[in-house]
Structures are given as structure tokens and as C-alpha cells.
Amino acid sequence: LAHLAAAGFRISTSGAPERRGVVQRLDVGTSG
């Protein structure tokens, strides 16, 4: 989300404030 914000993407405001727009998660050590 920090990257998307810096790149100028407007993300959904739904969800907890720190997880806006996130509908799935990957572990920190998992890529893809």
C-alpha cells in the first residue's frame, strides 16, 4: 500500500485504515 500510494494510485477506502483496499495478503517472505 505504501508503494501504491507513492505511485499515485487511489485505493478503495473500505477496510481498516491500514488495510484499505486489501482483499488478500501474502506473507512478507512470499513473492508473487
Full PDB file with SEQRES, HELIX, SHEET, SSBOND, CRYST1, ORIGX, SCALE, CONECT and MASTER records, all heavy atoms in Angstrom:
SEQRES   1 A   32  LEU ALA HIS LEU ALA ALA ALA GLY PHE ARG ILE SER THR          
SEQRES   2 A   32  SER GLY ALA PRO GLU ARG ARG GLY VAL VAL GLN ARG LEU          
SEQRES   3 A   32  ASP VAL GLY THR SER GLY                                      
HELIX    1 AA1 ALA A    2  ALA A    6  1                                   5    
HELIX    2 AA2 PRO A   17  ARG A   19  5                                   3    
CRYST1    1.000    1.000    1.000  90.00  90.00  90.00 P 1           1          
ORIGX1      1.000000  0.000000  0.000000        0.00000                         
ORIGX2      0.000000  1.000000  0.000000        0.00000                         
ORIGX3      0.000000  0.000000  1.000000        0.00000                         
SCALE1      1.000000  0.000000  0.000000        0.00000                         
SCALE2      0.000000  1.000000  0.000000        0.00000                         
SCALE3      0.000000  0.000000  1.000000        0.00000                         
ATOM      1  N   LEU A   1       0.819  -1.208   0.000  1.00  0.00           N  
ATOM      2  CA  LEU A   1       0.000   0.000   0.000  1.00  0.00           C  
ATOM      3  C   LEU A   1       0.855   1.262   0.000  1.00  0.00           C  
ATOM      4  O   LEU A   1       0.478   2.272  -0.617  1.00  0.00           O  
ATOM      5  CB  LEU A   1      -0.944  -0.004   1.198  1.00  0.00           C  
ATOM      6  CG  LEU A   1      -2.028  -1.082   1.199  1.00  0.00           C  
ATOM      7  CD1 LEU A   1      -3.020  -0.848   2.342  1.00  0.00           C  
ATOM      8  CD2 LEU A   1      -2.776  -1.128  -0.129  1.00  0.00           C  
ATOM      9  N   ALA A   2       2.004   1.224   0.666  1.00  0.00           N  
ATOM     10  CA  ALA A   2       2.905   2.377   0.652  1.00  0.00           C  
ATOM     11  C   ALA A   2       3.397   2.641  -0.766  1.00  0.00           C  
ATOM     12  O   ALA A   2       3.489   3.797  -1.201  1.00  0.00           O  
ATOM     13  CB  ALA A   2       4.084   2.142   1.589  1.00  0.00           C  
ATOM     14  N   HIS A   3       3.720   1.580  -1.492  1.00  0.00           N  
ATOM     15  CA  HIS A   3       4.177   1.733  -2.875  1.00  0.00           C  
ATOM     16  C   HIS A   3       3.073   2.304  -3.761  1.00  0.00           C  
ATOM     17  O   HIS A   3       3.312   3.230  -4.555  1.00  0.00           O  
ATOM     18  CB  HIS A   3       4.639   0.392  -3.431  1.00  0.00           C  
ATOM     19  CG  HIS A   3       5.057   0.452  -4.869  1.00  0.00           C  
ATOM     20  ND1 HIS A   3       6.323   0.811  -5.262  1.00  0.00           N  
ATOM     21  CD2 HIS A   3       4.352   0.218  -6.018  1.00  0.00           C  
ATOM     22  CE1 HIS A   3       6.398   0.802  -6.588  1.00  0.00           C  
ATOM     23  NE2 HIS A   3       5.210   0.428  -7.067  1.00  0.00           N  
ATOM     24  N   LEU A   4       1.865   1.762  -3.629  1.00  0.00           N  
ATOM     25  CA  LEU A   4       0.764   2.244  -4.455  1.00  0.00           C  
ATOM     26  C   LEU A   4       0.456   3.711  -4.165  1.00  0.00           C  
ATOM     27  O   LEU A   4       0.172   4.489  -5.070  1.00  0.00           O  
ATOM     28  CB  LEU A   4      -0.475   1.374  -4.236  1.00  0.00           C  
ATOM     29  CG  LEU A   4      -0.354  -0.083  -4.711  1.00  0.00           C  
ATOM     30  CD1 LEU A   4      -1.622  -0.859  -4.388  1.00  0.00           C  
ATOM     31  CD2 LEU A   4      -0.060  -0.147  -6.210  1.00  0.00           C  
ATOM     32  N   ALA A   5       0.529   4.086  -2.893  1.00  0.00           N  
ATOM     33  CA  ALA A   5       0.293   5.488  -2.527  1.00  0.00           C  
ATOM     34  C   ALA A   5       1.353   6.388  -3.143  1.00  0.00           C  
ATOM     35  O   ALA A   5       1.061   7.462  -3.677  1.00  0.00           O  
ATOM     36  CB  ALA A   5       0.259   5.641  -1.014  1.00  0.00           C  
ATOM     37  N   ALA A   6       2.614   5.962  -3.080  1.00  0.00           N  
ATOM     38  CA  ALA A   6       3.703   6.768  -3.631  1.00  0.00           C  
ATOM     39  C   ALA A   6       3.612   6.869  -5.144  1.00  0.00           C  
ATOM     40  O   ALA A   6       4.009   7.882  -5.735  1.00  0.00           O  
ATOM     41  CB  ALA A   6       5.046   6.167  -3.216  1.00  0.00           C  
ATOM     42  N   ALA A   7       3.075   5.802  -5.776  1.00  0.00           N  
ATOM     43  CA  ALA A   7       2.950   5.788  -7.238  1.00  0.00           C  
ATOM     44  C   ALA A   7       1.706   6.520  -7.729  1.00  0.00           C  
ATOM     45  O   ALA A   7       1.462   6.593  -8.937  1.00  0.00           O  
ATOM     46  CB  ALA A   7       2.946   4.347  -7.738  1.00  0.00           C  
ATOM     47  N   GLY A   8       0.906   7.067  -6.806  1.00  0.00           N  
ATOM     48  CA  GLY A   8      -0.247   7.873  -7.186  1.00  0.00           C  
ATOM     49  C   GLY A   8      -1.536   7.120  -7.397  1.00  0.00           C  
ATOM     50  O   GLY A   8      -2.500   7.682  -7.919  1.00  0.00           O  
ATOM     51  N   PHE A   9      -1.606   5.855  -6.956  1.00  0.00           N  
ATOM     52  CA  PHE A   9      -2.833   5.087  -7.113  1.00  0.00           C  
ATOM     53  C   PHE A   9      -3.845   5.496  -6.037  1.00  0.00           C  
ATOM     54  O   PHE A   9      -3.490   5.676  -4.872  1.00  0.00           O  
ATOM     55  CB  PHE A   9      -2.554   3.582  -6.987  1.00  0.00           C  
ATOM     56  CG  PHE A   9      -1.846   2.997  -8.171  1.00  0.00           C  
ATOM     57  CD1 PHE A   9      -0.459   3.013  -8.243  1.00  0.00           C  
ATOM     58  CD2 PHE A   9      -2.556   2.421  -9.206  1.00  0.00           C  
ATOM     59  CE1 PHE A   9       0.204   2.470  -9.330  1.00  0.00           C  
ATOM     60  CE2 PHE A   9      -1.903   1.886 -10.306  1.00  0.00           C  
ATOM     61  CZ  PHE A   9      -0.519   1.905 -10.368  1.00  0.00           C  
ATOM     62  N   ARG A  10      -5.087   5.615  -6.436  1.00  0.00           N  
ATOM     63  CA  ARG A  10      -6.171   5.852  -5.487  1.00  0.00           C  
ATOM     64  C   ARG A  10      -6.818   4.502  -5.175  1.00  0.00           C  
ATOM     65  O   ARG A  10      -7.318   3.819  -6.058  1.00  0.00           O  
ATOM     66  CB  ARG A  10      -7.206   6.825  -6.063  1.00  0.00           C  
ATOM     67  CG  ARG A  10      -6.645   8.219  -6.319  1.00  0.00           C  
ATOM     68  CD  ARG A  10      -7.733   9.183  -6.727  1.00  0.00           C  
ATOM     69  NE  ARG A  10      -8.707   9.371  -5.644  1.00  0.00           N  
ATOM     70  CZ  ARG A  10      -9.813  10.118  -5.775  1.00  0.00           C  
ATOM     71  NH1 ARG A  10     -10.083  10.718  -6.922  1.00  0.00           N  
ATOM     72  NH2 ARG A  10     -10.644  10.234  -4.754  1.00  0.00           N  
ATOM     73  N   ILE A  11      -6.804   4.143  -3.900  1.00  0.00           N  
ATOM     74  CA  ILE A  11      -7.260   2.827  -3.461  1.00  0.00           C  
ATOM     75  C   ILE A  11      -8.586   2.967  -2.728  1.00  0.00           C  
ATOM     76  O   ILE A  11      -8.900   4.005  -2.150  1.00  0.00           O  
ATOM     77  CB  ILE A  11      -6.196   2.189  -2.542  1.00  0.00           C  
ATOM     78  CG1 ILE A  11      -4.854   2.077  -3.282  1.00  0.00           C  
ATOM     79  CG2 ILE A  11      -6.631   0.814  -2.050  1.00  0.00           C  
ATOM     80  CD1 ILE A  11      -4.921   1.264  -4.551  1.00  0.00           C  
ATOM     81  N   SER A  12      -9.378   1.897  -2.742  1.00  0.00           N  
ATOM     82  CA  SER A  12     -10.640   1.869  -2.001  1.00  0.00           C  
ATOM     83  C   SER A  12     -10.414   2.275  -0.548  1.00  0.00           C  
ATOM     84  O   SER A  12      -9.394   1.959   0.061  1.00  0.00           O  
ATOM     85  CB  SER A  12     -11.222   0.451  -2.049  1.00  0.00           C  
ATOM     86  OG  SER A  12     -12.230   0.279  -1.079  1.00  0.00           O  
ATOM     87  N   THR A  13     -11.367   2.988   0.020  1.00  0.00           N  
ATOM     88  CA  THR A  13     -11.278   3.382   1.430  1.00  0.00           C  
ATOM     89  C   THR A  13     -11.913   2.340   2.346  1.00  0.00           C  
ATOM     90  O   THR A  13     -11.939   2.523   3.563  1.00  0.00           O  
ATOM     91  CB  THR A  13     -11.964   4.744   1.660  1.00  0.00           C  
ATOM     92  OG1 THR A  13     -13.345   4.646   1.252  1.00  0.00           O  
ATOM     93  CG2 THR A  13     -11.280   5.848   0.853  1.00  0.00           C  
ATOM     94  N   SER A  14     -12.417   1.242   1.776  1.00  0.00           N  
ATOM     95  CA  SER A  14     -13.038   0.202   2.586  1.00  0.00           C  
ATOM     96  C   SER A  14     -11.977  -0.608   3.312  1.00  0.00           C  
ATOM     97  O   SER A  14     -10.851  -0.764   2.842  1.00  0.00           O  
ATOM     98  CB  SER A  14     -13.870  -0.738   1.707  1.00  0.00           C  
ATOM     99  OG  SER A  14     -14.930  -0.036   1.093  1.00  0.00           O  
ATOM    100  N   GLY A  15     -12.333  -1.127   4.484  1.00  0.00           N  
ATOM    101  CA  GLY A  15     -11.407  -1.894   5.290  1.00  0.00           C  
ATOM    102  C   GLY A  15     -10.793  -1.033   6.374  1.00  0.00           C  
ATOM    103  O   GLY A  15     -11.020   0.178   6.443  1.00  0.00           O  
ATOM    104  N   ALA A  16     -10.014  -1.664   7.254  1.00  0.00           N  
ATOM    105  CA  ALA A  16      -9.333  -0.927   8.316  1.00  0.00           C  
ATOM    106  C   ALA A  16      -8.401   0.111   7.695  1.00  0.00           C  
ATOM    107  O   ALA A  16      -7.905  -0.088   6.577  1.00  0.00           O  
ATOM    108  CB  ALA A  16      -8.551  -1.889   9.201  1.00  0.00           C  
ATOM    109  N   PRO A  17      -8.147   1.232   8.394  1.00  0.00           N  
ATOM    110  CA  PRO A  17      -7.346   2.317   7.799  1.00  0.00           C  
ATOM    111  C   PRO A  17      -6.001   1.868   7.234  1.00  0.00           C  
ATOM    112  O   PRO A  17      -5.576   2.358   6.193  1.00  0.00           O  
ATOM    113  CB  PRO A  17      -7.161   3.288   8.971  1.00  0.00           C  
ATOM    114  CG  PRO A  17      -8.341   3.052   9.845  1.00  0.00           C  
ATOM    115  CD  PRO A  17      -8.650   1.592   9.732  1.00  0.00           C  
ATOM    116  N   GLU A  18      -5.336   0.931   7.910  1.00  0.00           N  
ATOM    117  CA  GLU A  18      -4.017   0.498   7.437  1.00  0.00           C  
ATOM    118  C   GLU A  18      -4.112  -0.617   6.404  1.00  0.00           C  
ATOM    119  O   GLU A  18      -3.098  -1.051   5.860  1.00  0.00           O  
ATOM    120  CB  GLU A  18      -3.145   0.052   8.619  1.00  0.00           C  
ATOM    121  CG  GLU A  18      -3.511  -1.287   9.224  1.00  0.00           C  
ATOM    122  CD  GLU A  18      -4.665  -1.217  10.230  1.00  0.00           C  
ATOM    123  OE1 GLU A  18      -5.375  -0.193  10.275  1.00  0.00           O  
ATOM    124  OE2 GLU A  18      -4.846  -2.192  10.976  1.00  0.00           O  
ATOM    125  N   ARG A  19      -5.334  -1.109   6.099  1.00  0.00           N  
ATOM    126  CA  ARG A  19      -5.510  -2.210   5.146  1.00  0.00           C  
ATOM    127  C   ARG A  19      -6.510  -1.841   4.057  1.00  0.00           C  
ATOM    128  O   ARG A  19      -7.164  -2.718   3.496  1.00  0.00           O  
ATOM    129  CB  ARG A  19      -5.986  -3.474   5.872  1.00  0.00           C  
ATOM    130  CG  ARG A  19      -5.009  -4.010   6.889  1.00  0.00           C  
ATOM    131  CD  ARG A  19      -5.342  -5.430   7.313  1.00  0.00           C  
ATOM    132  NE  ARG A  19      -6.666  -5.529   7.930  1.00  0.00           N  
ATOM    133  CZ  ARG A  19      -6.898  -5.368   9.217  1.00  0.00           C  
ATOM    134  NH1 ARG A  19      -5.894  -5.071  10.025  1.00  0.00           N  
ATOM    135  NH2 ARG A  19      -8.095  -5.476   9.714  1.00  0.00           N  
ATOM    136  N   ARG A  20      -6.634  -0.566   3.770  1.00  0.00           N  
ATOM    137  CA  ARG A  20      -7.626  -0.137   2.781  1.00  0.00           C  
ATOM    138  C   ARG A  20      -7.395  -0.805   1.434  1.00  0.00           C  
ATOM    139  O   ARG A  20      -6.297  -0.789   0.887  1.00  0.00           O  
ATOM    140  CB  ARG A  20      -7.555   1.381   2.619  1.00  0.00           C  
ATOM    141  CG  ARG A  20      -8.096   2.122   3.831  1.00  0.00           C  
ATOM    142  CD  ARG A  20      -7.924   3.602   3.708  1.00  0.00           C  
ATOM    143  NE  ARG A  20      -8.480   4.303   4.860  1.00  0.00           N  
ATOM    144  CZ  ARG A  20      -8.313   5.595   5.107  1.00  0.00           C  
ATOM    145  NH1 ARG A  20      -7.609   6.326   4.268  1.00  0.00           N  
ATOM    146  NH2 ARG A  20      -8.850   6.146   6.174  1.00  0.00           N  
ATOM    147  N   GLY A  21      -8.465  -1.383   0.924  1.00  0.00           N  
ATOM    148  CA  GLY A  21      -8.400  -1.993  -0.398  1.00  0.00           C  
ATOM    149  C   GLY A  21      -7.816  -3.390  -0.443  1.00  0.00           C  
ATOM    150  O   GLY A  21      -7.887  -4.062  -1.472  1.00  0.00           O  
ATOM    151  N   VAL A  22      -7.234  -3.857   0.655  1.00  0.00           N  
ATOM    152  CA  VAL A  22      -6.579  -5.170   0.654  1.00  0.00           C  
ATOM    153  C   VAL A  22      -7.627  -6.263   0.837  1.00  0.00           C  
ATOM    154  O   VAL A  22      -8.339  -6.292   1.839  1.00  0.00           O  
ATOM    155  CB  VAL A  22      -5.514  -5.249   1.769  1.00  0.00           C  
ATOM    156  CG1 VAL A  22      -4.968  -6.671   1.890  1.00  0.00           C  
ATOM    157  CG2 VAL A  22      -4.381  -4.267   1.488  1.00  0.00           C  
ATOM    158  N   VAL A  23      -7.703  -7.163  -0.128  1.00  0.00           N  
ATOM    159  CA  VAL A  23      -8.670  -8.260  -0.070  1.00  0.00           C  
ATOM    160  C   VAL A  23      -7.985  -9.611   0.083  1.00  0.00           C  
ATOM    161  O   VAL A  23      -8.628 -10.626   0.305  1.00  0.00           O  
ATOM    162  CB  VAL A  23      -9.579  -8.273  -1.325  1.00  0.00           C  
ATOM    163  CG1 VAL A  23     -10.451  -7.031  -1.367  1.00  0.00           C  
ATOM    164  CG2 VAL A  23      -8.745  -8.365  -2.605  1.00  0.00           C  
ATOM    165  N   GLN A  24      -6.666  -9.631  -0.048  1.00  0.00           N  
ATOM    166  CA  GLN A  24      -5.876 -10.845   0.166  1.00  0.00           C  
ATOM    167  C   GLN A  24      -4.488 -10.403   0.630  1.00  0.00           C  
ATOM    168  O   GLN A  24      -4.092  -9.255   0.440  1.00  0.00           O  
ATOM    169  CB  GLN A  24      -5.734 -11.668  -1.117  1.00  0.00           C  
ATOM    170  CG  GLN A  24      -4.934 -10.941  -2.179  1.00  0.00           C  
ATOM    171  CD  GLN A  24      -4.381 -11.836  -3.274  1.00  0.00           C  
ATOM    172  OE1 GLN A  24      -4.361 -11.425  -4.412  1.00  0.00           O  
ATOM    173  NE2 GLN A  24      -3.918 -13.031  -2.960  1.00  0.00           N  
ATOM    174  N   ARG A  25      -3.780 -11.309   1.255  1.00  0.00           N  
ATOM    175  CA  ARG A  25      -2.435 -10.983   1.722  1.00  0.00           C  
ATOM    176  C   ARG A  25      -1.470 -12.103   1.377  1.00  0.00           C  
ATOM    177  O   ARG A  25      -1.854 -13.270   1.305  1.00  0.00           O  
ATOM    178  CB  ARG A  25      -2.438 -10.749   3.239  1.00  0.00           C  
ATOM    179  CG  ARG A  25      -3.123  -9.467   3.658  1.00  0.00           C  
ATOM    180  CD  ARG A  25      -3.120  -9.284   5.160  1.00  0.00           C  
ATOM    181  NE  ARG A  25      -4.064 -10.176   5.824  1.00  0.00           N  
ATOM    182  CZ  ARG A  25      -4.303 -10.168   7.133  1.00  0.00           C  
ATOM    183  NH1 ARG A  25      -3.635  -9.340   7.915  1.00  0.00           N  
ATOM    184  NH2 ARG A  25      -5.187 -10.990   7.661  1.00  0.00           N  
ATOM    185  N   LEU A  26      -0.217 -11.717   1.162  1.00  0.00           N  
ATOM    186  CA  LEU A  26       0.873 -12.675   1.018  1.00  0.00           C  
ATOM    187  C   LEU A  26       1.849 -12.453   2.166  1.00  0.00           C  
ATOM    188  O   LEU A  26       2.059 -11.315   2.596  1.00  0.00           O  
ATOM    189  CB  LEU A  26       1.612 -12.478  -0.313  1.00  0.00           C  
ATOM    190  CG  LEU A  26       0.849 -12.749  -1.612  1.00  0.00           C  
ATOM    191  CD1 LEU A  26       1.753 -12.468  -2.807  1.00  0.00           C  
ATOM    192  CD2 LEU A  26       0.334 -14.179  -1.656  1.00  0.00           C  
ATOM    193  N   ASP A  27       2.467 -13.535   2.658  1.00  0.00           N  
ATOM    194  CA  ASP A  27       3.491 -13.401   3.681  1.00  0.00           C  
ATOM    195  C   ASP A  27       4.597 -12.477   3.190  1.00  0.00           C  
ATOM    196  O   ASP A  27       4.863 -12.394   1.978  1.00  0.00           O  
ATOM    197  CB  ASP A  27       4.122 -14.756   3.993  1.00  0.00           C  
ATOM    198  CG  ASP A  27       3.150 -15.746   4.613  1.00  0.00           C  
ATOM    199  OD1 ASP A  27       2.067 -15.307   5.047  1.00  0.00           O  
ATOM    200  OD2 ASP A  27       3.474 -16.947   4.641  1.00  0.00           O  
ATOM    201  N   VAL A  28       5.279 -11.841   4.130  1.00  0.00           N  
ATOM    202  CA  VAL A  28       6.409 -10.969   3.777  1.00  0.00           C  
ATOM    203  C   VAL A  28       7.432 -11.731   2.942  1.00  0.00           C  
ATOM    204  O   VAL A  28       7.956 -11.209   1.951  1.00  0.00           O  
ATOM    205  CB  VAL A  28       7.066 -10.404   5.053  1.00  0.00           C  
ATOM    206  CG1 VAL A  28       8.394  -9.722   4.727  1.00  0.00           C  
ATOM    207  CG2 VAL A  28       6.139  -9.417   5.744  1.00  0.00           C  
ATOM    208  N   GLY A  29       7.712 -12.964   3.308  1.00  0.00           N  
ATOM    209  CA  GLY A  29       8.732 -13.738   2.616  1.00  0.00           C  
ATOM    210  C   GLY A  29       8.258 -14.450   1.364  1.00  0.00           C  
ATOM    211  O   GLY A  29       9.035 -15.163   0.728  1.00  0.00           O  
ATOM    212  N   THR A  30       7.002 -14.272   0.986  1.00  0.00           N  
ATOM    213  CA  THR A  30       6.441 -14.897  -0.214  1.00  0.00           C  
ATOM    214  C   THR A  30       6.299 -13.853  -1.308  1.00  0.00           C  
ATOM    215  O   THR A  30       5.791 -12.756  -1.068  1.00  0.00           O  
ATOM    216  CB  THR A  30       5.070 -15.528   0.079  1.00  0.00           C  
ATOM    217  OG1 THR A  30       5.217 -16.517   1.096  1.00  0.00           O  
ATOM    218  CG2 THR A  30       4.481 -16.170  -1.170  1.00  0.00           C  
ATOM    219  N   SER A  31       6.732 -14.182  -2.506  1.00  0.00           N  
ATOM    220  CA  SER A  31       6.621 -13.270  -3.640  1.00  0.00           C  
ATOM    221  C   SER A  31       5.440 -13.672  -4.514  1.00  0.00           C  
ATOM    222  O   SER A  31       4.886 -14.755  -4.376  1.00  0.00           O  
ATOM    223  CB  SER A  31       7.915 -13.297  -4.462  1.00  0.00           C  
ATOM    224  OG  SER A  31       8.255 -14.632  -4.796  1.00  0.00           O  
ATOM    225  N   GLY A  32       5.053 -12.753  -5.427  1.00  0.00           N  
ATOM    226  CA  GLY A  32       4.037 -13.104  -6.408  1.00  0.00           C  
ATOM    227  C   GLY A  32       2.836 -12.192  -6.447  1.00  0.00           C  
ATOM    228  O   GLY A  32       2.882 -11.050  -5.979  1.00  0.00           O  
TER     229      GLY A  32                                                      
MASTER        0    0    0    2    0    0    0    6  228    1    0    3          
END                                                                             
